[in-house]
Amino acid sequence: MNYLQFKNEKVFRNFVAKPHHPNLIEVLWYILEKCGEVVVTSAYRYGDRGVHGTDPLRAVDLRSWIYSDGFQEFLLKEVNETFTYDPQREKMKVMIKHNVRDKGIHFHCQVSSRTVKNGIGESG
């Protein structure tokens, strides 16, 4: 059984505040199938000028420390081999691990309207 959890009620409310881009839904489903348990730590952000502020929503942050270091690296590789953020912007990634404004290391997942599933990297 797979579990999609939320850091707190505010994150849940922000997660459901806007519709989700179909590409984000596909990426989140893929991650959930790989992990079994996913904790959303940030979703829609009112006033955000980036992908956390889009309608439909195109980005979420996920807790990374609940997985071993090896699994974190495996997941990053799998997601970014399976999905291309935008074939015209090859340096952009669907999933990264970072620490923004000292809020803690986490996964940032983002999509564009041109995100595509490559059909590779699906080893399980």
PDB file of N, CA and C in Angstrom:
ATOM      1  N   MET A   1       0.840  -1.181   0.000  1.00  0.00           N
ATOM      2  CA  MET A   1       0.000   0.000   0.000  1.00  0.00           C
ATOM      3  C   MET A   1       0.884   1.242   0.000  1.00  0.00           C
ATOM      4  N   ASN A   2       0.479   2.251  -0.760  1.00  0.00           N
ATOM      5  CA  ASN A   2       1.223   3.498  -0.857  1.00  0.00           C
ATOM      6  C   ASN A   2       0.566   4.566  -0.003  1.00  0.00           C
ATOM      7  N   TYR A   3       1.402   5.441   0.559  1.00  0.00           N
ATOM      8  CA  TYR A   3       0.906   6.486   1.438  1.00  0.00           C
ATOM      9  C   TYR A   3       1.428   7.846   1.000  1.00  0.00           C
ATOM     10  N   LEU A   4       0.513   8.768   0.755  1.00  0.00           N
ATOM     11  CA  LEU A   4       0.853  10.160   0.500  1.00  0.00           C
ATOM     12  C   LEU A   4       0.485  10.919   1.763  1.00  0.00           C
ATOM     13  N   GLN A   5       1.497  11.466   2.425  1.00  0.00           N
ATOM     14  CA  GLN A   5       1.291  12.168   3.677  1.00  0.00           C
ATOM     15  C   GLN A   5       1.690  13.633   3.518  1.00  0.00           C
ATOM     16  N   PHE A   6       1.355  14.432   4.520  1.00  0.00           N
ATOM     17  CA  PHE A   6       1.634  15.858   4.477  1.00  0.00           C
ATOM     18  C   PHE A   6       2.307  16.288   5.771  1.00  0.00           C
ATOM     19  N   LYS A   7       3.222  17.222   5.659  1.00  0.00           N
ATOM     20  CA  LYS A   7       3.975  17.726   6.804  1.00  0.00           C
ATOM     21  C   LYS A   7       3.035  18.247   7.888  1.00  0.00           C
ATOM     22  N   ASN A   8       1.996  18.965   7.475  1.00  0.00           N
ATOM     23  CA  ASN A   8       1.018  19.506   8.418  1.00  0.00           C
ATOM     24  C   ASN A   8      -0.248  19.903   7.653  1.00  0.00           C
ATOM     25  N   GLU A   9      -1.218  20.421   8.372  1.00  0.00           N
ATOM     26  CA  GLU A   9      -2.500  20.780   7.757  1.00  0.00           C
ATOM     27  C   GLU A   9      -2.338  21.899   6.722  1.00  0.00           C
ATOM     28  N   LYS A  10      -1.483  22.856   6.994  1.00  0.00           N
ATOM     29  CA  LYS A  10      -1.281  23.962   6.050  1.00  0.00           C
ATOM     30  C   LYS A  10      -0.767  23.438   4.703  1.00  0.00           C
ATOM     31  N   VAL A  11       0.183  22.513   4.734  1.00  0.00           N
ATOM     32  CA  VAL A  11       0.711  21.935   3.497  1.00  0.00           C
ATOM     33  C   VAL A  11      -0.393  21.183   2.763  1.00  0.00           C
ATOM     34  N   PHE A  12      -1.211  20.433   3.492  1.00  0.00           N
ATOM     35  CA  PHE A  12      -2.333  19.735   2.862  1.00  0.00           C
ATOM     36  C   PHE A  12      -3.275  20.724   2.183  1.00  0.00           C
ATOM     37  N   ARG A  13      -3.624  21.787   2.890  1.00  0.00           N
ATOM     38  CA  ARG A  13      -4.538  22.783   2.325  1.00  0.00           C
ATOM     39  C   ARG A  13      -3.938  23.439   1.081  1.00  0.00           C
ATOM     40  N   ASN A  14      -2.642  23.708   1.110  1.00  0.00           N
ATOM     41  CA  ASN A  14      -1.981  24.301  -0.050  1.00  0.00           C
ATOM     42  C   ASN A  14      -1.856  23.294  -1.195  1.00  0.00           C
ATOM     43  N   PHE A  15      -1.748  22.027  -0.861  1.00  0.00           N
ATOM     44  CA  PHE A  15      -1.673  20.972  -1.874  1.00  0.00           C
ATOM     45  C   PHE A  15      -2.990  20.881  -2.656  1.00  0.00           C
ATOM     46  N   VAL A  16      -4.101  21.047  -1.972  1.00  0.00           N
ATOM     47  CA  VAL A  16      -5.406  20.930  -2.623  1.00  0.00           C
ATOM     48  C   VAL A  16      -5.972  22.278  -3.067  1.00  0.00           C
ATOM     49  N   ALA A  17      -5.228  23.363  -2.860  1.00  0.00           N
ATOM     50  CA  ALA A  17      -5.718  24.704  -3.184  1.00  0.00           C
ATOM     51  C   ALA A  17      -5.868  24.944  -4.680  1.00  0.00           C
ATOM     52  N   LYS A  18      -5.062  24.293  -5.471  1.00  0.00           N
ATOM     53  CA  LYS A  18      -5.077  24.477  -6.924  1.00  0.00           C
ATOM     54  C   LYS A  18      -5.084  23.117  -7.599  1.00  0.00           C
ATOM     55  N   PRO A  19      -5.622  23.043  -8.812  1.00  0.00           N
ATOM     56  CA  PRO A  19      -5.500  21.784  -9.561  1.00  0.00           C
ATOM     57  C   PRO A  19      -4.032  21.518  -9.865  1.00  0.00           C
ATOM     58  N   HIS A  20      -3.709  20.267 -10.076  1.00  0.00           N
ATOM     59  CA  HIS A  20      -2.330  19.862 -10.365  1.00  0.00           C
ATOM     60  C   HIS A  20      -2.153  19.640 -11.864  1.00  0.00           C
ATOM     61  N   HIS A  21      -1.011  20.067 -12.365  1.00  0.00           N
ATOM     62  CA  HIS A  21      -0.703  19.830 -13.773  1.00  0.00           C
ATOM     63  C   HIS A  21      -0.666  18.310 -13.987  1.00  0.00           C
ATOM     64  N   PRO A  22      -1.215  17.799 -15.079  1.00  0.00           N
ATOM     65  CA  PRO A  22      -1.199  16.351 -15.322  1.00  0.00           C
ATOM     66  C   PRO A  22       0.211  15.755 -15.277  1.00  0.00           C
ATOM     67  N   ASN A  23       1.215  16.499 -15.711  1.00  0.00           N
ATOM     68  CA  ASN A  23       2.589  15.975 -15.654  1.00  0.00           C
ATOM     69  C   ASN A  23       3.064  15.835 -14.216  1.00  0.00           C
ATOM     70  N   LEU A  24       2.651  16.744 -13.333  1.00  0.00           N
ATOM     71  CA  LEU A  24       3.025  16.631 -11.924  1.00  0.00           C
ATOM     72  C   LEU A  24       2.356  15.415 -11.306  1.00  0.00           C
ATOM     73  N   ILE A  25       1.110  15.183 -11.653  1.00  0.00           N
ATOM     74  CA  ILE A  25       0.416  13.997 -11.141  1.00  0.00           C
ATOM     75  C   ILE A  25       1.146  12.729 -11.569  1.00  0.00           C
ATOM     76  N   GLU A  26       1.563  12.667 -12.826  1.00  0.00           N
ATOM     77  CA  GLU A  26       2.269  11.484 -13.309  1.00  0.00           C
ATOM     78  C   GLU A  26       3.592  11.276 -12.580  1.00  0.00           C
ATOM     79  N   VAL A  27       4.335  12.351 -12.353  1.00  0.00           N
ATOM     80  CA  VAL A  27       5.614  12.247 -11.639  1.00  0.00           C
ATOM     81  C   VAL A  27       5.382  11.835 -10.188  1.00  0.00           C
ATOM     82  N   LEU A  28       4.408  12.448  -9.525  1.00  0.00           N
ATOM     83  CA  LEU A  28       4.131  12.084  -8.132  1.00  0.00           C
ATOM     84  C   LEU A  28       3.690  10.629  -8.011  1.00  0.00           C
ATOM     85  N   TRP A  29       2.870  10.168  -8.933  1.00  0.00           N
ATOM     86  CA  TRP A  29       2.441   8.768  -8.899  1.00  0.00           C
ATOM     87  C   TRP A  29       3.644   7.847  -9.071  1.00  0.00           C
ATOM     88  N   TYR A  30       4.541   8.192  -9.984  1.00  0.00           N
ATOM     89  CA  TYR A  30       5.746   7.404 -10.219  1.00  0.00           C
ATOM     90  C   TYR A  30       6.584   7.334  -8.939  1.00  0.00           C
ATOM     91  N   ILE A  31       6.780   8.481  -8.297  1.00  0.00           N
ATOM     92  CA  ILE A  31       7.572   8.527  -7.061  1.00  0.00           C
ATOM     93  C   ILE A  31       6.895   7.713  -5.969  1.00  0.00           C
ATOM     94  N   LEU A  32       5.602   7.847  -5.836  1.00  0.00           N
ATOM     95  CA  LEU A  32       4.864   7.100  -4.821  1.00  0.00           C
ATOM     96  C   LEU A  32       4.985   5.598  -5.042  1.00  0.00           C
ATOM     97  N   GLU A  33       4.934   5.168  -6.295  1.00  0.00           N
ATOM     98  CA  GLU A  33       5.107   3.741  -6.589  1.00  0.00           C
ATOM     99  C   GLU A  33       6.509   3.265  -6.228  1.00  0.00           C
ATOM    100  N   LYS A  34       7.525   4.093  -6.430  1.00  0.00           N
ATOM    101  CA  LYS A  34       8.909   3.720  -6.108  1.00  0.00           C
ATOM    102  C   LYS A  34       9.148   3.684  -4.608  1.00  0.00           C
ATOM    103  N   CYS A  35       8.530   4.634  -3.878  1.00  0.00           N
ATOM    104  CA  CYS A  35       8.840   4.811  -2.459  1.00  0.00           C
ATOM    105  C   CYS A  35       7.874   4.123  -1.508  1.00  0.00           C
ATOM    106  N   GLY A  36       6.623   4.055  -1.887  1.00  0.00           N
ATOM    107  CA  GLY A  36       5.616   3.504  -0.997  1.00  0.00           C
ATOM    108  C   GLY A  36       5.078   4.527  -0.018  1.00  0.00           C
ATOM    109  N   GLU A  37       5.941   5.402   0.455  1.00  0.00           N
ATOM    110  CA  GLU A  37       5.553   6.452   1.386  1.00  0.00           C
ATOM    111  C   GLU A  37       6.208   7.750   0.945  1.00  0.00           C
ATOM    112  N   VAL A  38       5.402   8.799   0.825  1.00  0.00           N
ATOM    113  CA  VAL A  38       5.895  10.109   0.412  1.00  0.00           C
ATOM    114  C   VAL A  38       5.298  11.148   1.357  1.00  0.00           C
ATOM    115  N   VAL A  39       6.147  12.081   1.814  1.00  0.00           N
ATOM    116  CA  VAL A  39       5.680  13.167   2.668  1.00  0.00           C
ATOM    117  C   VAL A  39       5.869  14.478   1.913  1.00  0.00           C
ATOM    118  N   VAL A  40       4.755  15.151   1.636  1.00  0.00           N
ATOM    119  CA  VAL A  40       4.784  16.452   0.968  1.00  0.00           C
ATOM    120  C   VAL A  40       5.055  17.505   2.033  1.00  0.00           C
ATOM    121  N   THR A  41       6.100  18.313   1.807  1.00  0.00           N
ATOM    122  CA  THR A  41       6.456  19.353   2.776  1.00  0.00           C
ATOM    123  C   THR A  41       6.114  20.754   2.294  1.00  0.00           C
ATOM    124  N   SER A  42       5.855  20.905   1.006  1.00  0.00           N
ATOM    125  CA  SER A  42       5.431  22.198   0.464  1.00  0.00           C
ATOM    126  C   SER A  42       4.767  21.945  -0.880  1.00  0.00           C
ATOM    127  N   ALA A  43       3.761  22.756  -1.192  1.00  0.00           N
ATOM    128  CA  ALA A  43       3.046  22.608  -2.470  1.00  0.00           C
ATOM    129  C   ALA A  43       2.785  24.007  -3.022  1.00  0.00           C
ATOM    130  N   TYR A  44       1.512  24.360  -3.194  1.00  0.00           N
ATOM    131  CA  TYR A  44       1.181  25.684  -3.699  1.00  0.00           C
ATOM    132  C   TYR A  44       1.579  26.734  -2.669  1.00  0.00           C
ATOM    133  N   ARG A  45       2.191  27.814  -3.150  1.00  0.00           N
ATOM    134  CA  ARG A  45       2.576  28.924  -2.273  1.00  0.00           C
ATOM    135  C   ARG A  45       1.957  30.202  -2.822  1.00  0.00           C
ATOM    136  N   TYR A  46       1.038  30.756  -2.093  1.00  0.00           N
ATOM    137  CA  TYR A  46       0.386  31.995  -2.511  1.00  0.00           C
ATOM    138  C   TYR A  46       1.431  33.091  -2.716  1.00  0.00           C
ATOM    139  N   GLY A  47       1.372  33.737  -3.869  1.00  0.00           N
ATOM    140  CA  GLY A  47       2.293  34.829  -4.162  1.00  0.00           C
ATOM    141  C   GLY A  47       3.639  34.402  -4.716  1.00  0.00           C
ATOM    142  N   ASP A  48       3.895  33.107  -4.779  1.00  0.00           N
ATOM    143  CA  ASP A  48       5.178  32.611  -5.310  1.00  0.00           C
ATOM    144  C   ASP A  48       5.216  32.870  -6.812  1.00  0.00           C
ATOM    145  N   ARG A  49       6.312  33.437  -7.283  1.00  0.00           N
ATOM    146  CA  ARG A  49       6.443  33.732  -8.708  1.00  0.00           C
ATOM    147  C   ARG A  49       7.045  32.579  -9.499  1.00  0.00           C
ATOM    148  N   GLY A  50       7.409  31.514  -8.810  1.00  0.00           N
ATOM    149  CA  GLY A  50       7.987  30.344  -9.471  1.00  0.00           C
ATOM    150  C   GLY A  50       6.967  29.236  -9.638  1.00  0.00           C
ATOM    151  N   VAL A  51       7.470  28.017  -9.814  1.00  0.00           N
ATOM    152  CA  VAL A  51       6.593  26.874 -10.094  1.00  0.00           C
ATOM    153  C   VAL A  51       5.704  26.483  -8.917  1.00  0.00           C
ATOM    154  N   HIS A  52       6.028  26.935  -7.702  1.00  0.00           N
ATOM    155  CA  HIS A  52       5.150  26.669  -6.555  1.00  0.00           C
ATOM    156  C   HIS A  52       3.940  27.601  -6.542  1.00  0.00           C
ATOM    157  N   GLY A  53       3.914  28.574  -7.443  1.00  0.00           N
ATOM    158  CA  GLY A  53       2.810  29.518  -7.475  1.00  0.00           C
ATOM    159  C   GLY A  53       1.964  29.440  -8.725  1.00  0.00           C
ATOM    160  N   THR A  54       2.114  28.387  -9.493  1.00  0.00           N
ATOM    161  CA  THR A  54       1.396  28.278 -10.759  1.00  0.00           C
ATOM    162  C   THR A  54       0.006  27.673 -10.587  1.00  0.00           C
ATOM    163  N   ASP A  55      -0.831  27.948 -11.553  1.00  0.00           N
ATOM    164  CA  ASP A  55      -2.168  27.360 -11.610  1.00  0.00           C
ATOM    165  C   ASP A  55      -2.362  26.863 -13.039  1.00  0.00           C
ATOM    166  N   PRO A  56      -2.303  25.556 -13.268  1.00  0.00           N
ATOM    167  CA  PRO A  56      -2.254  24.476 -12.281  1.00  0.00           C
ATOM    168  C   PRO A  56      -0.874  24.358 -11.627  1.00  0.00           C
ATOM    169  N   LEU A  57      -0.869  23.749 -10.464  1.00  0.00           N
ATOM    170  CA  LEU A  57       0.355  23.567  -9.685  1.00  0.00           C
ATOM    171  C   LEU A  57       1.351  22.697 -10.450  1.00  0.00           C
ATOM    172  N   ARG A  58       2.617  23.144 -10.495  1.00  0.00           N
ATOM    173  CA  ARG A  58       3.646  22.402 -11.221  1.00  0.00           C
ATOM    174  C   ARG A  58       4.824  21.979 -10.352  1.00  0.00           C
ATOM    175  N   ALA A  59       4.746  22.166  -9.021  1.00  0.00           N
ATOM    176  CA  ALA A  59       5.877  21.772  -8.175  1.00  0.00           C
ATOM    177  C   ALA A  59       5.429  21.423  -6.766  1.00  0.00           C
ATOM    178  N   VAL A  60       6.130  20.477  -6.180  1.00  0.00           N
ATOM    179  CA  VAL A  60       5.971  20.136  -4.766  1.00  0.00           C
ATOM    180  C   VAL A  60       7.347  19.829  -4.198  1.00  0.00           C
ATOM    181  N   ASP A  61       7.456  19.982  -2.898  1.00  0.00           N
ATOM    182  CA  ASP A  61       8.657  19.561  -2.188  1.00  0.00           C
ATOM    183  C   ASP A  61       8.304  18.321  -1.386  1.00  0.00           C
ATOM    184  N   LEU A  62       9.268  17.410  -1.305  1.00  0.00           N
ATOM    185  CA  LEU A  62       9.062  16.142  -0.603  1.00  0.00           C
ATOM    186  C   LEU A  62      10.169  15.931   0.412  1.00  0.00           C
ATOM    187  N   ARG A  63       9.829  15.335   1.528  1.00  0.00           N
ATOM    188  CA  ARG A  63      10.817  15.010   2.563  1.00  0.00           C
ATOM    189  C   ARG A  63      11.789  13.974   2.004  1.00  0.00           C
ATOM    190  N   SER A  64      13.067  14.222   2.161  1.00  0.00           N
ATOM    191  CA  SER A  64      14.078  13.292   1.649  1.00  0.00           C
ATOM    192  C   SER A  64      14.704  12.438   2.744  1.00  0.00           C
ATOM    193  N   TRP A  65      14.805  12.968   3.966  1.00  0.00           N
ATOM    194  CA  TRP A  65      15.572  12.273   4.999  1.00  0.00           C
ATOM    195  C   TRP A  65      14.916  10.991   5.507  1.00  0.00           C
ATOM    196  N   ILE A  66      13.700  10.721   5.088  1.00  0.00           N
ATOM    197  CA  ILE A  66      13.061   9.467   5.515  1.00  0.00           C
ATOM    198  C   ILE A  66      13.603   8.265   4.734  1.00  0.00           C
ATOM    199  N   TYR A  67      14.403   8.529   3.704  1.00  0.00           N
ATOM    200  CA  TYR A  67      15.004   7.470   2.898  1.00  0.00           C
ATOM    201  C   TYR A  67      16.506   7.439   3.135  1.00  0.00           C
ATOM    202  N   SER A  68      17.099   6.272   2.971  1.00  0.00           N
ATOM    203  CA  SER A  68      18.552   6.154   3.104  1.00  0.00           C
ATOM    204  C   SER A  68      19.242   6.980   2.022  1.00  0.00           C
ATOM    205  N   ASP A  69      20.501   7.345   2.262  1.00  0.00           N
ATOM    206  CA  ASP A  69      21.258   8.119   1.275  1.00  0.00           C
ATOM    207  C   ASP A  69      21.304   7.388  -0.065  1.00  0.00           C
ATOM    208  N   GLY A  70      21.502   6.086  -0.019  1.00  0.00           N
ATOM    209  CA  GLY A  70      21.562   5.306  -1.255  1.00  0.00           C
ATOM    210  C   GLY A  70      20.242   5.339  -2.012  1.00  0.00           C
ATOM    211  N   PHE A  71      19.138   5.230  -1.284  1.00  0.00           N
ATOM    212  CA  PHE A  71      17.839   5.268  -1.954  1.00  0.00           C
ATOM    213  C   PHE A  71      17.548   6.658  -2.498  1.00  0.00           C
ATOM    214  N   GLN A  72      17.962   7.696  -1.789  1.00  0.00           N
ATOM    215  CA  GLN A  72      17.772   9.061  -2.286  1.00  0.00           C
ATOM    216  C   GLN A  72      18.455   9.232  -3.642  1.00  0.00           C
ATOM    217  N   GLU A  73      19.690   8.761  -3.741  1.00  0.00           N
ATOM    218  CA  GLU A  73      20.430   8.884  -4.999  1.00  0.00           C
ATOM    219  C   GLU A  73      19.782   8.036  -6.097  1.00  0.00           C
ATOM    220  N   PHE A  74      19.347   6.830  -5.736  1.00  0.00           N
ATOM    221  CA  PHE A  74      18.634   5.964  -6.683  1.00  0.00           C
ATOM    222  C   PHE A  74      17.375   6.666  -7.203  1.00  0.00           C
ATOM    223  N   LEU A  75      16.590   7.253  -6.297  1.00  0.00           N
ATOM    224  CA  LEU A  75      15.346   7.898  -6.679  1.00  0.00           C
ATOM    225  C   LEU A  75      15.587   9.097  -7.594  1.00  0.00           C
ATOM    226  N   LEU A  76      16.563   9.919  -7.264  1.00  0.00           N
ATOM    227  CA  LEU A  76      16.901  11.057  -8.124  1.00  0.00           C
ATOM    228  C   LEU A  76      17.251  10.597  -9.528  1.00  0.00           C
ATOM    229  N   LYS A  77      18.080   9.577  -9.607  1.00  0.00           N
ATOM    230  CA  LYS A  77      18.514   9.047 -10.904  1.00  0.00           C
ATOM    231  C   LYS A  77      17.322   8.487 -11.675  1.00  0.00           C
ATOM    232  N   GLU A  78      16.504   7.685 -11.013  1.00  0.00           N
ATOM    233  CA  GLU A  78      15.342   7.060 -11.659  1.00  0.00           C
ATOM    234  C   GLU A  78      14.367   8.102 -12.206  1.00  0.00           C
ATOM    235  N   VAL A  79      14.031   9.077 -11.377  1.00  0.00           N
ATOM    236  CA  VAL A  79      13.054  10.082 -11.802  1.00  0.00           C
ATOM    237  C   VAL A  79      13.597  10.884 -12.977  1.00  0.00           C
ATOM    238  N   ASN A  80      14.853  11.304 -12.887  1.00  0.00           N
ATOM    239  CA  ASN A  80      15.407  12.146 -13.946  1.00  0.00           C
ATOM    240  C   ASN A  80      15.778  11.376 -15.210  1.00  0.00           C
ATOM    241  N   GLU A  81      15.919  10.066 -15.119  1.00  0.00           N
ATOM    242  CA  GLU A  81      16.089   9.258 -16.322  1.00  0.00           C
ATOM    243  C   GLU A  81      14.738   8.936 -16.955  1.00  0.00           C
ATOM    244  N   THR A  82      13.712   8.861 -16.126  1.00  0.00           N
ATOM    245  CA  THR A  82      12.383   8.501 -16.612  1.00  0.00           C
ATOM    246  C   THR A  82      11.652   9.701 -17.200  1.00  0.00           C
ATOM    247  N   PHE A  83      11.884  10.880 -16.640  1.00  0.00           N
ATOM    248  CA  PHE A  83      11.195  12.090 -17.094  1.00  0.00           C
ATOM    249  C   PHE A  83      12.203  13.152 -17.523  1.00  0.00           C
ATOM    250  N   THR A  84      11.885  13.834 -18.599  1.00  0.00           N
ATOM    251  CA  THR A  84      12.653  14.999 -19.043  1.00  0.00           C
ATOM    252  C   THR A  84      11.803  16.231 -18.781  1.00  0.00           C
ATOM    253  N   TYR A  85      12.357  17.185 -18.050  1.00  0.00           N
ATOM    254  CA  TYR A  85      11.614  18.392 -17.696  1.00  0.00           C
ATOM    255  C   TYR A  85      11.133  19.130 -18.940  1.00  0.00           C
ATOM    256  N   ASP A  86      12.052  19.359 -19.859  1.00  0.00           N
ATOM    257  CA  ASP A  86      11.718  20.052 -21.107  1.00  0.00           C
ATOM    258  C   ASP A  86      12.829  19.723 -22.096  1.00  0.00           C
ATOM    259  N   PRO A  87      12.527  19.010 -23.176  1.00  0.00           N
ATOM    260  CA  PRO A  87      13.570  18.641 -24.146  1.00  0.00           C
ATOM    261  C   PRO A  87      14.335  19.847 -24.700  1.00  0.00           C
ATOM    262  N   GLN A  88      13.741  21.030 -24.641  1.00  0.00           N
ATOM    263  CA  GLN A  88      14.413  22.227 -25.140  1.00  0.00           C
ATOM    264  C   GLN A  88      15.307  22.876 -24.077  1.00  0.00           C
ATOM    265  N   ARG A  89      15.180  22.420 -22.830  1.00  0.00           N
ATOM    266  CA  ARG A  89      16.001  22.942 -21.727  1.00  0.00           C
ATOM    267  C   ARG A  89      16.602  21.758 -20.979  1.00  0.00           C
ATOM    268  N   GLU A  90      17.620  21.163 -21.594  1.00  0.00           N
ATOM    269  CA  GLU A  90      18.188  19.904 -21.104  1.00  0.00           C
ATOM    270  C   GLU A  90      18.816  19.998 -19.719  1.00  0.00           C
ATOM    271  N   LYS A  91      19.215  21.173 -19.278  1.00  0.00           N
ATOM    272  CA  LYS A  91      19.845  21.300 -17.959  1.00  0.00           C
ATOM    273  C   LYS A  91      18.829  21.279 -16.816  1.00  0.00           C
ATOM    274  N   MET A  92      17.573  21.532 -17.135  1.00  0.00           N
ATOM    275  CA  MET A  92      16.527  21.520 -16.107  1.00  0.00           C
ATOM    276  C   MET A  92      16.194  20.076 -15.744  1.00  0.00           C
ATOM    277  N   LYS A  93      15.957  19.822 -14.473  1.00  0.00           N
ATOM    278  CA  LYS A  93      15.642  18.487 -13.981  1.00  0.00           C
ATOM    279  C   LYS A  93      14.250  18.463 -13.359  1.00  0.00           C
ATOM    280  N   VAL A  94      13.619  17.318 -13.415  1.00  0.00           N
ATOM    281  CA  VAL A  94      12.316  17.133 -12.784  1.00  0.00           C
ATOM    282  C   VAL A  94      12.471  17.053 -11.272  1.00  0.00           C
ATOM    283  N   MET A  95      13.561  16.421 -10.803  1.00  0.00           N
ATOM    284  CA  MET A  95      13.741  16.243  -9.365  1.00  0.00           C
ATOM    285  C   MET A  95      15.163  16.599  -8.976  1.00  0.00           C
ATOM    286  N   ILE A  96      15.279  17.443  -7.966  1.00  0.00           N
ATOM    287  CA  ILE A  96      16.587  17.771  -7.401  1.00  0.00           C
ATOM    288  C   ILE A  96      16.497  17.658  -5.889  1.00  0.00           C
ATOM    289  N   LYS A  97      17.648  17.586  -5.261  1.00  0.00           N
ATOM    290  CA  LYS A  97      17.724  17.610  -3.801  1.00  0.00           C
ATOM    291  C   LYS A  97      18.498  18.865  -3.446  1.00  0.00           C
ATOM    292  N   HIS A  98      17.908  19.709  -2.621  1.00  0.00           N
ATOM    293  CA  HIS A  98      18.589  20.950  -2.277  1.00  0.00           C
ATOM    294  C   HIS A  98      18.144  21.466  -0.908  1.00  0.00           C
ATOM    295  N   ASN A  99      18.798  22.546  -0.478  1.00  0.00           N
ATOM    296  CA  ASN A  99      18.491  23.223   0.772  1.00  0.00           C
ATOM    297  C   ASN A  99      18.357  24.703   0.453  1.00  0.00           C
ATOM    298  N   VAL A 100      17.140  25.185   0.380  1.00  0.00           N
ATOM    299  CA  VAL A 100      16.886  26.579   0.025  1.00  0.00           C
ATOM    300  C   VAL A 100      16.611  27.376   1.296  1.00  0.00           C
ATOM    301  N   ARG A 101      17.289  28.467   1.455  1.00  0.00           N
ATOM    302  CA  ARG A 101      17.108  29.370   2.598  1.00  0.00           C
ATOM    303  C   ARG A 101      17.166  28.619   3.923  1.00  0.00           C
ATOM    304  N   ASP A 102      18.072  27.634   4.015  1.00  0.00           N
ATOM    305  CA  ASP A 102      18.270  26.869   5.247  1.00  0.00           C
ATOM    306  C   ASP A 102      16.983  26.265   5.814  1.00  0.00           C
ATOM    307  N   LYS A 103      16.087  25.848   4.926  1.00  0.00           N
ATOM    308  CA  LYS A 103      14.845  25.196   5.364  1.00  0.00           C
ATOM    309  C   LYS A 103      15.002  23.684   5.435  1.00  0.00           C
ATOM    310  N   GLY A 104      16.206  23.199   5.181  1.00  0.00           N
ATOM    311  CA  GLY A 104      16.461  21.772   5.255  1.00  0.00           C
ATOM    312  C   GLY A 104      16.557  21.133   3.887  1.00  0.00           C
ATOM    313  N   ILE A 105      17.339  20.089   3.831  1.00  0.00           N
ATOM    314  CA  ILE A 105      17.509  19.361   2.577  1.00  0.00           C
ATOM    315  C   ILE A 105      16.209  18.618   2.276  1.00  0.00           C
ATOM    316  N   HIS A 106      15.773  18.717   1.028  1.00  0.00           N
ATOM    317  CA  HIS A 106      14.532  18.073   0.602  1.00  0.00           C
ATOM    318  C   HIS A 106      14.581  17.860  -0.910  1.00  0.00           C
ATOM    319  N   PHE A 107      13.632  17.073  -1.405  1.00  0.00           N
ATOM    320  CA  PHE A 107      13.464  16.909  -2.842  1.00  0.00           C
ATOM    321  C   PHE A 107      12.539  18.009  -3.352  1.00  0.00           C
ATOM    322  N   HIS A 108      12.909  18.592  -4.462  1.00  0.00           N
ATOM    323  CA  HIS A 108      12.048  19.542  -5.168  1.00  0.00           C
ATOM    324  C   HIS A 108      11.667  18.864  -6.477  1.00  0.00           C
ATOM    325  N   CYS A 109      10.367  18.690  -6.709  1.00  0.00           N
ATOM    326  CA  CYS A 109       9.873  18.065  -7.936  1.00  0.00           C
ATOM    327  C   CYS A 109       9.115  19.118  -8.722  1.00  0.00           C
ATOM    328  N   GLN A 110       9.459  19.238  -9.996  1.00  0.00           N
ATOM    329  CA  GLN A 110       8.821  20.247 -10.834  1.00  0.00           C
ATOM    330  C   GLN A 110       8.606  19.699 -12.234  1.00  0.00           C
ATOM    331  N   VAL A 111       7.592  20.227 -12.886  1.00  0.00           N
ATOM    332  CA  VAL A 111       7.307  19.848 -14.271  1.00  0.00           C
ATOM    333  C   VAL A 111       6.995  21.103 -15.071  1.00  0.00           C
ATOM    334  N   SER A 112       7.049  20.945 -16.374  1.00  0.00           N
ATOM    335  CA  SER A 112       6.596  21.992 -17.290  1.00  0.00           C
ATOM    336  C   SER A 112       5.517  21.375 -18.167  1.00  0.00           C
ATOM    337  N   SER A 113       4.927  22.187 -19.015  1.00  0.00           N
ATOM    338  CA  SER A 113       3.925  21.641 -19.937  1.00  0.00           C
ATOM    339  C   SER A 113       4.579  20.741 -20.972  1.00  0.00           C
ATOM    340  N   ARG A 114       5.913  20.815 -21.116  1.00  0.00           N
ATOM    341  CA  ARG A 114       6.635  19.978 -22.075  1.00  0.00           C
ATOM    342  C   ARG A 114       7.347  18.790 -21.426  1.00  0.00           C
ATOM    343  N   THR A 115       7.113  18.548 -20.143  1.00  0.00           N
ATOM    344  CA  THR A 115       7.724  17.391 -19.489  1.00  0.00           C
ATOM    345  C   THR A 115       7.230  16.117 -20.164  1.00  0.00           C
ATOM    346  N   VAL A 116       8.170  15.203 -20.423  1.00  0.00           N
ATOM    347  CA  VAL A 116       7.828  13.951 -21.092  1.00  0.00           C
ATOM    348  C   VAL A 116       8.371  12.760 -20.318  1.00  0.00           C
ATOM    349  N   LYS A 117       7.658  11.654 -20.438  1.00  0.00           N
ATOM    350  CA  LYS A 117       8.133  10.399 -19.858  1.00  0.00           C
ATOM    351  C   LYS A 117       8.936   9.693 -20.924  1.00  0.00           C
ATOM    352  N   ASN A 118      10.164   9.325 -20.576  1.00  0.00           N
ATOM    353  CA  ASN A 118      11.096   8.755 -21.538  1.00  0.00           C
ATOM    354  C   ASN A 118      10.947   7.255 -21.720  1.00  0.00           C
ATOM    355  N   GLY A 119      10.372   6.573 -20.734  1.00  0.00           N
ATOM    356  CA  GLY A 119      10.234   5.135 -20.837  1.00  0.00           C
ATOM    357  C   GLY A 119      11.493   4.370 -20.481  1.00  0.00           C
ATOM    358  N   ILE A 120      12.481   5.064 -19.872  1.00  0.00           N
ATOM    359  CA  ILE A 120      13.678   4.386 -19.395  1.00  0.00           C
ATOM    360  C   ILE A 120      13.801   4.631 -17.908  1.00  0.00           C
ATOM    361  N   GLY A 121      14.723   3.932 -17.273  1.00  0.00           N
ATOM    362  CA  GLY A 121      14.964   4.128 -15.855  1.00  0.00           C
ATOM    363  C   GLY A 121      13.922   3.457 -14.971  1.00  0.00           C
ATOM    364  N   GLU A 122      13.101   2.602 -15.540  1.00  0.00           N
ATOM    365  CA  GLU A 122      12.049   1.960 -14.768  1.00  0.00           C
ATOM    366  C   GLU A 122      12.487   0.546 -14.387  1.00  0.00           C
ATOM    367  N   SER A 123      13.308   0.472 -13.369  1.00  0.00           N
ATOM    368  CA  SER A 123      13.883  -0.826 -13.013  1.00  0.00           C
ATOM    369  C   SER A 123      13.185  -1.434 -11.793  1.00  0.00           C
ATOM    370  N   GLY A 124      11.926  -1.288 -11.680  1.00  0.00           N
ATOM    371  CA  GLY A 124      11.286  -1.942 -10.562  1.00  0.00           C
ATOM    372  C   GLY A 124       9.916  -1.573 -10.285  1.00  0.00           C
TER     373      GLY A 124
END
